[in-house]
């Protein structure tokens, strides 16, 4: 097996492991915090802290990360992941948990917003060009979405253990210990990533230069999308299902499993669709119907209709993920790819970090439909602005 293929396999395995525990804990997080005695608003604030911390870490990576070997940074992130799981399992107070959420790697949403993302994207971008690159990013996104779906299904395990006589809070803590163990496993995995000197020299990483204006425009638009998405990150969407329809933890886990599975399968069509209508059109024209389904779900009074509309949204809403990643990598020079991945991810994370606390406050105030409707409206506005701004660059 060539070094490039081996590295791709290791990155895909690492992505799958992270997505599995992220998908599980995104559903468990609100239940765990409520079990500790914290309120609905605190769930939103902690979600905000996780996203804000990830954004600042990614900003630092974009500014100074090109000075350090990528494998060293990946290994450091894996150790931080292990420490995050141990801290969440051992702490109960709001302020200590808030600090760990800010400095750690916990992910309250369906997508990947961690410091791992730009590092892995930069490595993946070297593995192919053109359509091959889109397929690679689609595989990366597909693996993440599938594993996140199965991870969400595992979120019902604490309730099953509680029914068998195990302390429920102890079972919830145990899931964070599993998260820590996966962090150590990823550290061991990424220690095997080959780092040939010649390859590093041929693809030297630099700060943003010729592509700066394009990246800035994309970053600003992506931030609108991310702010909207932060209103309904998985932890808050799970909280909405708990509060609006009284859904059990096991039922919510099953819903997020099917939602994640549909999102994963839809990404198989992204490369095929991008070859026919372009990356930009794939991003925009699959996103708008998904946002309409979300708005309709917010207005539904029956749980079956609401979940059906949310599943329809899931079947479309993730098709832009590989297309977006491939589009960013295609419109910048090879040397700028790591910086471009970081600087488009940072505004997304910063914007997304602001909205979960707002969503939690709206839930706490009894405005249960407002975050979902606002998310849908803002995402449609983002799609239209993106298409208008970049329709002359339909890569």
Protein backbone atom coordinates (compact mmCIF):
# COMPACT_ATOMS: atom_id res chain seq x y z
CA UNK A 1 0.00 0.00 0.00
CA UNK A 2 1.36 3.44 -0.94
CA UNK A 3 2.05 6.04 1.75
CA UNK A 4 -0.76 8.26 0.40
CA UNK A 5 -3.34 5.46 0.52
CA UNK A 6 -2.23 4.45 3.99
CA UNK A 7 -2.55 8.03 5.22
CA UNK A 8 -6.01 8.35 3.67
CA UNK A 9 -7.12 5.15 5.40
CA UNK A 10 -5.80 6.37 8.78
CA UNK A 11 -7.54 9.73 8.39
CA UNK A 12 -10.85 8.06 7.49
CA UNK A 13 -10.63 5.70 10.47
CA UNK A 14 -9.82 8.60 12.78
CA UNK A 15 -12.72 10.62 11.40
CA UNK A 16 -15.06 7.70 11.93
CA UNK A 17 -14.00 7.17 15.53
CA UNK A 18 -14.40 10.84 16.39
CA UNK A 19 -17.76 11.08 14.65
CA UNK A 20 -19.07 8.04 16.51
CA UNK A 21 -18.45 9.46 19.97
CA UNK A 22 -19.44 12.99 18.86
CA UNK A 23 -22.76 11.69 17.55
CA UNK A 24 -23.45 9.90 20.82
CA UNK A 25 -22.49 12.73 23.15
CA UNK A 26 -24.34 15.38 21.14
CA UNK A 27 -27.57 13.58 22.11
CA UNK A 28 -26.42 12.69 25.64
CA UNK A 29 -25.05 16.11 26.58
CA UNK A 30 -28.39 17.81 27.39
CA UNK A 31 -29.61 14.72 29.26
CA UNK A 32 -26.35 14.57 31.23
CA UNK A 33 -26.45 18.26 32.15
CA UNK A 34 -30.10 18.04 33.18
CA UNK A 35 -29.26 14.97 35.30
CA UNK A 36 -26.52 17.00 37.03
CA UNK A 37 -29.15 19.58 37.97
CA UNK A 38 -28.38 22.23 35.36
CA UNK A 39 -31.11 24.00 33.38
CA UNK A 40 -32.09 24.46 29.75
CA UNK A 41 -30.22 27.76 29.43
CA UNK A 42 -27.04 26.18 30.82
CA UNK A 43 -27.19 23.57 28.05
CA UNK A 44 -27.12 26.36 25.47
CA UNK A 45 -24.29 28.22 27.21
CA UNK A 46 -22.10 25.12 27.42
CA UNK A 47 -22.77 24.41 23.75
CA UNK A 48 -21.71 27.97 22.97
CA UNK A 49 -18.51 27.52 24.98
CA UNK A 50 -17.53 24.37 23.08
CA UNK A 51 -17.96 26.08 19.73
CA UNK A 52 -16.25 29.31 20.80
CA UNK A 53 -13.23 27.44 22.15
CA UNK A 54 -12.96 25.40 18.96
CA UNK A 55 -13.13 28.58 16.89
CA UNK A 56 -10.30 30.28 18.76
CA UNK A 57 -8.16 27.15 18.61
CA UNK A 58 -8.75 26.93 14.86
CA UNK A 59 -7.90 30.62 14.49
CA UNK A 60 -4.57 30.04 16.23
CA UNK A 61 -3.98 27.06 13.97
CA UNK A 62 -4.61 29.14 10.86
CA UNK A 63 -2.28 31.90 12.01
CA UNK A 64 0.63 29.83 13.38
CA UNK A 65 -0.09 26.20 12.58
CA UNK A 66 1.98 26.26 9.37
CA UNK A 67 5.09 26.53 11.53
CA UNK A 68 4.58 23.12 13.17
CA UNK A 69 4.35 19.58 11.70
CA UNK A 70 0.75 18.60 11.11
CA UNK A 71 1.23 15.22 12.77
CA UNK A 72 2.38 16.92 15.98
CA UNK A 73 -0.74 19.09 15.98
CA UNK A 74 -2.99 16.09 15.33
CA UNK A 75 -1.40 14.16 18.19
CA UNK A 76 -1.85 17.12 20.52
CA UNK A 77 -5.52 17.40 19.56
CA UNK A 78 -6.02 13.69 20.29
CA UNK A 79 -4.57 14.07 23.80
CA UNK A 80 -6.80 17.10 24.39
CA UNK A 81 -9.77 14.97 23.36
CA UNK A 82 -8.87 12.35 25.97
CA UNK A 83 -8.48 15.01 28.66
CA UNK A 84 -11.88 16.51 27.75
CA UNK A 85 -13.67 13.20 28.26
CA UNK A 86 -12.00 12.58 31.62
CA UNK A 87 -12.84 16.08 32.86
CA UNK A 88 -16.51 15.87 31.85
CA UNK A 89 -16.82 12.50 33.54
CA UNK A 90 -15.33 13.79 36.79
CA UNK A 91 -16.75 17.30 37.18
CA UNK A 92 -20.27 18.41 38.14
CA UNK A 93 -20.18 22.19 38.70
CA UNK A 94 -21.29 24.53 35.94
CA UNK A 95 -18.19 26.76 35.90
CA UNK A 96 -15.63 23.92 35.79
CA UNK A 97 -17.63 22.26 33.03
CA UNK A 98 -17.80 25.58 31.18
CA UNK A 99 -14.00 25.88 31.25
CA UNK A 100 -13.56 22.32 30.00
CA UNK A 101 -16.14 22.92 27.26
CA UNK A 102 -14.24 26.03 26.15
CA UNK A 103 -10.75 24.49 26.10
CA UNK A 104 -11.76 20.95 25.13
CA UNK A 105 -12.87 19.17 21.97
CA UNK A 106 -16.50 18.32 22.74
CA UNK A 107 -18.80 18.77 19.74
CA UNK A 108 -22.52 19.49 20.35
CA UNK A 109 -23.52 19.32 16.68
CA UNK A 110 -23.69 16.94 13.75
CA UNK A 111 -20.77 18.41 11.83
CA UNK A 112 -17.11 18.59 12.75
CA UNK A 113 -16.07 21.94 14.20
CA UNK A 114 -12.97 20.80 16.06
CA UNK A 115 -9.32 21.66 15.55
CA UNK A 116 -8.96 18.30 13.79
CA UNK A 117 -10.93 19.57 10.79
CA UNK A 118 -8.50 21.96 9.04
CA UNK A 119 -5.55 19.64 9.71
CA UNK A 120 -7.32 16.66 8.17
CA UNK A 121 -8.68 18.70 5.26
CA UNK A 122 -5.21 19.90 4.37
CA UNK A 123 -3.94 16.32 4.30
CA UNK A 124 -6.93 15.08 2.29
CA UNK A 125 -6.53 17.84 -0.32
CA UNK A 126 -3.12 16.43 -1.25
CA UNK A 127 -4.57 13.02 -2.07
CA UNK A 128 -6.35 14.04 -5.30
CA UNK A 129 -7.26 16.76 -7.78
CA UNK A 130 -10.53 17.82 -9.41
CA UNK A 131 -13.24 15.16 -9.28
CA UNK A 132 -10.96 12.85 -7.30
CA UNK A 133 -10.69 15.44 -4.55
CA UNK A 134 -14.48 15.80 -4.41
CA UNK A 135 -14.83 12.01 -4.09
CA UNK A 136 -12.23 11.95 -1.29
CA UNK A 137 -14.05 14.66 0.64
CA UNK A 138 -17.33 12.86 0.02
CA UNK A 139 -15.85 9.66 1.48
CA UNK A 140 -14.54 11.62 4.46
CA UNK A 141 -17.94 13.23 5.04
CA UNK A 142 -19.76 9.94 4.45
CA UNK A 143 -17.66 8.06 7.00
CA UNK A 144 -18.21 10.84 9.52
CA UNK A 145 -21.97 10.97 8.95
CA UNK A 146 -22.43 7.18 9.09
CA UNK A 147 -20.41 6.81 12.27
CA UNK A 148 -22.18 9.78 13.87
CA UNK A 149 -25.51 8.10 13.07
CA UNK A 150 -24.52 4.87 14.77
CA UNK A 151 -23.08 6.87 17.65
CA UNK A 152 -26.45 8.59 18.10
CA UNK A 153 -28.10 5.19 18.24
CA UNK A 154 -25.80 4.29 21.13
CA UNK A 155 -27.15 7.28 23.07
CA UNK A 156 -29.95 5.07 24.37
CA UNK A 157 -27.46 2.81 26.17
CA UNK A 158 -27.54 4.68 29.53
CA UNK A 159 -31.33 4.25 29.72
CA UNK A 160 -31.00 0.54 28.92
CA UNK A 161 -28.38 0.18 31.65
CA UNK A 162 -30.58 2.13 34.06
CA UNK A 163 -33.45 -0.27 33.34
CA UNK A 164 -31.09 -3.13 34.23
CA UNK A 165 -30.35 -1.56 37.62
CA UNK A 166 -27.25 0.54 36.83
CA UNK A 167 -27.20 4.09 38.18
CA UNK A 168 -28.28 6.31 35.28
CA UNK A 169 -25.95 9.18 36.12
CA UNK A 170 -23.07 6.74 36.43
CA UNK A 171 -23.94 5.29 33.01
CA UNK A 172 -23.94 8.78 31.51
CA UNK A 173 -20.54 9.47 33.04
CA UNK A 174 -19.26 6.23 31.56
CA UNK A 175 -19.99 7.46 28.05
CA UNK A 176 -17.59 10.37 28.60
CA UNK A 177 -14.94 7.88 29.70
CA UNK A 178 -15.49 6.07 26.40
CA UNK A 179 -14.94 9.42 24.67
CA UNK A 180 -11.61 9.78 26.49
CA UNK A 181 -10.59 6.27 25.47
CA UNK A 182 -11.33 7.03 21.83
CA UNK A 183 -9.09 10.10 22.09
CA UNK A 184 -6.19 7.88 23.18
CA UNK A 185 -6.95 5.43 20.39
CA UNK A 186 -6.85 8.26 17.84
CA UNK A 187 -3.51 9.41 19.26
CA UNK A 188 -2.09 5.96 18.64
CA UNK A 189 -3.63 5.87 15.18
CA UNK A 190 -2.31 9.25 14.05
CA UNK A 191 1.16 8.46 15.36
CA UNK A 192 1.34 6.09 12.35
CA UNK A 193 0.65 8.81 9.74
CA UNK A 194 3.62 8.89 7.34
CA UNK A 195 5.31 12.25 7.02
CA UNK A 196 7.80 12.01 4.10
CA UNK A 197 10.18 14.96 4.02
CA UNK A 198 9.95 15.27 0.23
CA UNK A 199 6.19 15.47 0.34
CA UNK A 200 6.25 18.15 2.98
CA UNK A 201 8.67 20.19 0.93
CA UNK A 202 6.65 19.82 -2.28
CA UNK A 203 3.49 21.05 -0.61
CA UNK A 204 4.85 23.72 1.69
CA UNK A 205 2.17 25.40 3.70
CA UNK A 206 1.97 29.18 3.72
CA UNK A 207 -0.36 31.82 5.14
CA UNK A 208 -3.09 33.19 2.90
CA UNK A 209 -1.84 35.23 -0.05
CA UNK A 210 -3.29 35.41 -3.58
CA UNK A 211 -6.60 33.84 -2.56
CA UNK A 212 -7.20 36.04 0.47
CA UNK A 213 -10.13 38.03 -0.97
CA UNK A 214 -11.99 34.89 -2.09
CA UNK A 215 -11.43 33.17 1.25
CA UNK A 216 -12.62 36.23 3.18
CA UNK A 217 -15.85 36.43 1.17
CA UNK A 218 -16.48 32.72 1.60
CA UNK A 219 -15.73 32.93 5.31
CA UNK A 220 -18.22 35.76 5.82
CA UNK A 221 -20.97 33.88 4.02
CA UNK A 222 -20.17 30.60 5.76
CA UNK A 223 -20.48 32.42 9.09
CA UNK A 224 -24.13 33.24 8.34
CA UNK A 225 -24.82 29.58 7.62
CA UNK A 226 -23.00 28.54 10.79
CA UNK A 227 -24.83 31.05 13.00
CA UNK A 228 -28.11 29.67 11.70
CA UNK A 229 -27.01 26.07 12.21
CA UNK A 230 -25.91 26.85 15.76
CA UNK A 231 -29.53 27.53 16.68
CA UNK A 232 -30.34 23.86 16.12
CA UNK A 233 -27.14 21.94 16.81
CA UNK A 234 -27.93 18.33 17.68
CA UNK A 235 -27.79 18.95 21.42
CA UNK A 236 -30.40 21.72 21.13
CA UNK A 237 -32.49 19.77 18.62
CA UNK A 238 -32.50 16.86 21.08
CA UNK A 239 -33.51 19.29 23.81
CA UNK A 240 -36.33 20.56 21.56
CA UNK A 241 -37.60 17.01 21.09
CA UNK A 242 -37.42 16.39 24.85
CA UNK A 243 -39.26 19.63 25.71
CA UNK A 244 -41.73 19.81 22.80
CA UNK A 245 -42.84 16.18 22.55
CA UNK A 246 -41.49 14.50 25.71
CA UNK A 247 -39.31 12.16 23.66
CA UNK A 248 -37.25 9.61 25.59
CA UNK A 249 -33.47 9.42 25.32
CA UNK A 250 -33.69 6.09 23.47
CA UNK A 251 -36.27 7.47 21.01
CA UNK A 252 -34.17 10.57 20.41
CA UNK A 253 -31.12 8.40 19.79
CA UNK A 254 -33.07 6.34 17.25
CA UNK A 255 -34.26 9.51 15.51
CA UNK A 256 -30.74 10.90 15.25
CA UNK A 257 -29.55 7.53 13.95
CA UNK A 258 -31.98 7.64 11.02
CA UNK A 259 -31.37 11.34 10.52
CA UNK A 260 -27.62 10.78 10.39
CA UNK A 261 -28.01 7.75 8.14
CA UNK A 262 -30.06 9.71 5.62
CA UNK A 263 -27.55 12.53 5.71
CA UNK A 264 -24.71 10.08 5.16
CA UNK A 265 -26.38 8.33 2.24
CA UNK A 266 -27.25 11.64 0.60
CA UNK A 267 -23.55 12.50 0.48
CA UNK A 268 -22.98 9.59 -1.88
CA UNK A 269 -24.88 11.61 -4.46
CA UNK A 270 -22.87 14.81 -3.91
CA UNK A 271 -19.92 13.95 -6.24
CA UNK A 272 -22.32 12.67 -8.94
CA UNK A 273 -24.44 15.82 -8.69
CA UNK A 274 -21.40 18.12 -8.58
CA UNK A 275 -20.08 16.66 -11.83
CA UNK A 276 -23.34 17.56 -13.55
CA UNK A 277 -24.33 20.92 -12.09
CA UNK A 278 -21.13 22.10 -10.38
CA UNK A 279 -20.01 22.38 -6.78
CA UNK A 280 -21.69 25.75 -6.17
CA UNK A 281 -25.09 24.68 -7.47
CA UNK A 282 -24.86 21.47 -5.46
CA UNK A 283 -24.28 23.52 -2.33
CA UNK A 284 -27.17 25.91 -2.93
CA UNK A 285 -29.94 23.93 -4.58
CA UNK A 286 -29.93 21.08 -2.07
CA UNK A 287 -29.78 23.41 0.93
CA UNK A 288 -32.86 25.55 0.25
CA UNK A 289 -35.45 22.71 0.31
CA UNK A 290 -33.83 21.36 3.49
CA UNK A 291 -34.36 24.72 5.18
CA UNK A 292 -38.00 24.80 4.13
CA UNK A 293 -38.53 21.37 5.71
CA UNK A 294 -37.01 22.66 8.96
CA UNK A 295 -39.39 25.62 9.08
CA UNK A 296 -42.38 23.32 8.50
CA UNK A 297 -41.15 20.95 11.24
CA UNK A 298 -41.04 23.84 13.70
CA UNK A 299 -44.73 24.53 13.01
CA UNK A 300 -45.85 20.89 13.23
CA UNK A 301 -48.02 19.93 16.20
CA UNK A 302 -47.78 16.17 15.73
CA UNK A 303 -44.54 14.37 16.61
CA UNK A 304 -44.80 12.05 13.60
CA UNK A 305 -45.09 14.97 11.17
CA UNK A 306 -42.31 16.89 12.89
CA UNK A 307 -39.91 13.96 12.80
CA UNK A 308 -40.87 13.12 9.22
CA UNK A 309 -40.10 16.67 8.08
CA UNK A 310 -36.82 16.66 10.01
CA UNK A 311 -35.86 13.38 8.33
CA UNK A 312 -36.67 14.89 4.93
CA UNK A 313 -34.42 17.79 5.85
CA UNK A 314 -31.65 15.38 6.86
CA UNK A 315 -31.82 13.71 3.44
CA UNK A 316 -30.78 16.99 1.79
CA UNK A 317 -29.04 19.21 4.33
CA UNK A 318 -25.64 17.47 4.30
CA UNK A 319 -25.12 17.22 0.54
CA UNK A 320 -23.34 20.58 0.57
CA UNK A 321 -20.66 19.42 3.04
CA UNK A 322 -18.24 17.62 0.67
CA UNK A 323 -19.04 20.13 -2.09
CA UNK A 324 -18.20 23.04 0.19
CA UNK A 325 -14.91 21.51 1.31
CA UNK A 326 -13.89 20.67 -2.25
CA UNK A 327 -14.92 24.15 -3.46
CA UNK A 328 -12.68 25.89 -0.92
CA UNK A 329 -9.73 23.66 -1.80
CA UNK A 330 -10.33 24.26 -5.54
CA UNK A 331 -10.35 28.08 -5.46
CA UNK A 332 -7.08 28.52 -3.51
CA UNK A 333 -3.48 27.65 -4.33
CA UNK A 334 -2.10 24.35 -2.95
CA UNK A 335 0.15 26.08 -0.45
CA UNK A 336 -2.77 28.06 1.00
CA UNK A 337 -5.05 25.08 1.59
CA UNK A 338 -4.32 24.56 5.28
CA UNK A 339 -4.72 28.28 6.01
CA UNK A 340 -7.87 28.49 3.84
CA UNK A 341 -9.42 25.53 5.65
CA UNK A 342 -8.69 27.20 8.99
CA UNK A 343 -9.84 30.70 8.02
CA UNK A 344 -13.11 29.48 6.53
CA UNK A 345 -13.69 27.25 9.56
CA UNK A 346 -12.96 29.96 12.15
CA UNK A 347 -15.81 32.38 11.28
CA UNK A 348 -18.13 29.39 11.02
CA UNK A 349 -17.17 28.29 14.51
CA UNK A 350 -17.29 31.82 15.96
CA UNK A 351 -20.71 32.51 14.46
CA UNK A 352 -22.03 29.10 15.49
CA UNK A 353 -20.72 29.71 19.02
CA UNK A 354 -23.01 32.72 19.47
CA UNK A 355 -26.29 31.05 18.64
CA UNK A 356 -26.68 27.99 20.95
CA UNK A 357 -26.95 30.25 24.03
CA UNK A 358 -29.57 32.29 22.15
CA UNK A 359 -31.42 29.10 21.19
CA UNK A 360 -31.32 27.87 24.79
CA UNK A 361 -32.65 31.22 26.03
CA UNK A 362 -35.53 31.06 23.54
CA UNK A 363 -36.34 27.52 24.67
CA UNK A 364 -36.21 28.59 28.32
CA UNK A 365 -38.59 31.46 27.50
CA UNK A 366 -41.11 29.10 25.92
CA UNK A 367 -40.38 30.10 22.30
CA UNK A 368 -39.80 26.52 21.19
CA UNK A 369 -40.41 27.05 17.46
CA UNK A 370 -38.40 30.29 17.13
CA UNK A 371 -34.86 28.83 16.86
CA UNK A 372 -35.89 26.37 14.14
CA UNK A 373 -37.72 28.99 12.08
CA UNK A 374 -34.88 31.50 12.42
CA UNK A 375 -32.39 28.83 11.35
CA UNK A 376 -34.36 28.00 8.21
CA UNK A 377 -34.85 31.63 7.17
CA UNK A 378 -31.18 32.55 7.71
CA UNK A 379 -29.96 29.51 5.80
CA UNK A 380 -32.11 30.36 2.80
CA UNK A 381 -30.73 33.90 2.84
CA UNK A 382 -27.18 32.48 2.99
CA UNK A 383 -27.79 30.18 0.02
CA UNK A 384 -29.13 32.98 -2.15
CA UNK A 385 -26.26 35.31 -1.21
CA UNK A 386 -23.67 32.59 -1.88
CA UNK A 387 -25.08 31.82 -5.32
CA UNK A 388 -25.27 35.53 -6.23
CA UNK A 389 -21.69 36.20 -5.08
CA UNK A 390 -19.98 33.19 -6.67
CA UNK A 391 -22.14 32.22 -9.63
CA UNK A 392 -19.34 33.42 -11.93
CA UNK A 393 -16.97 30.93 -10.26
CA UNK A 394 -19.01 27.69 -10.56
CA UNK A 395 -16.16 25.20 -9.97
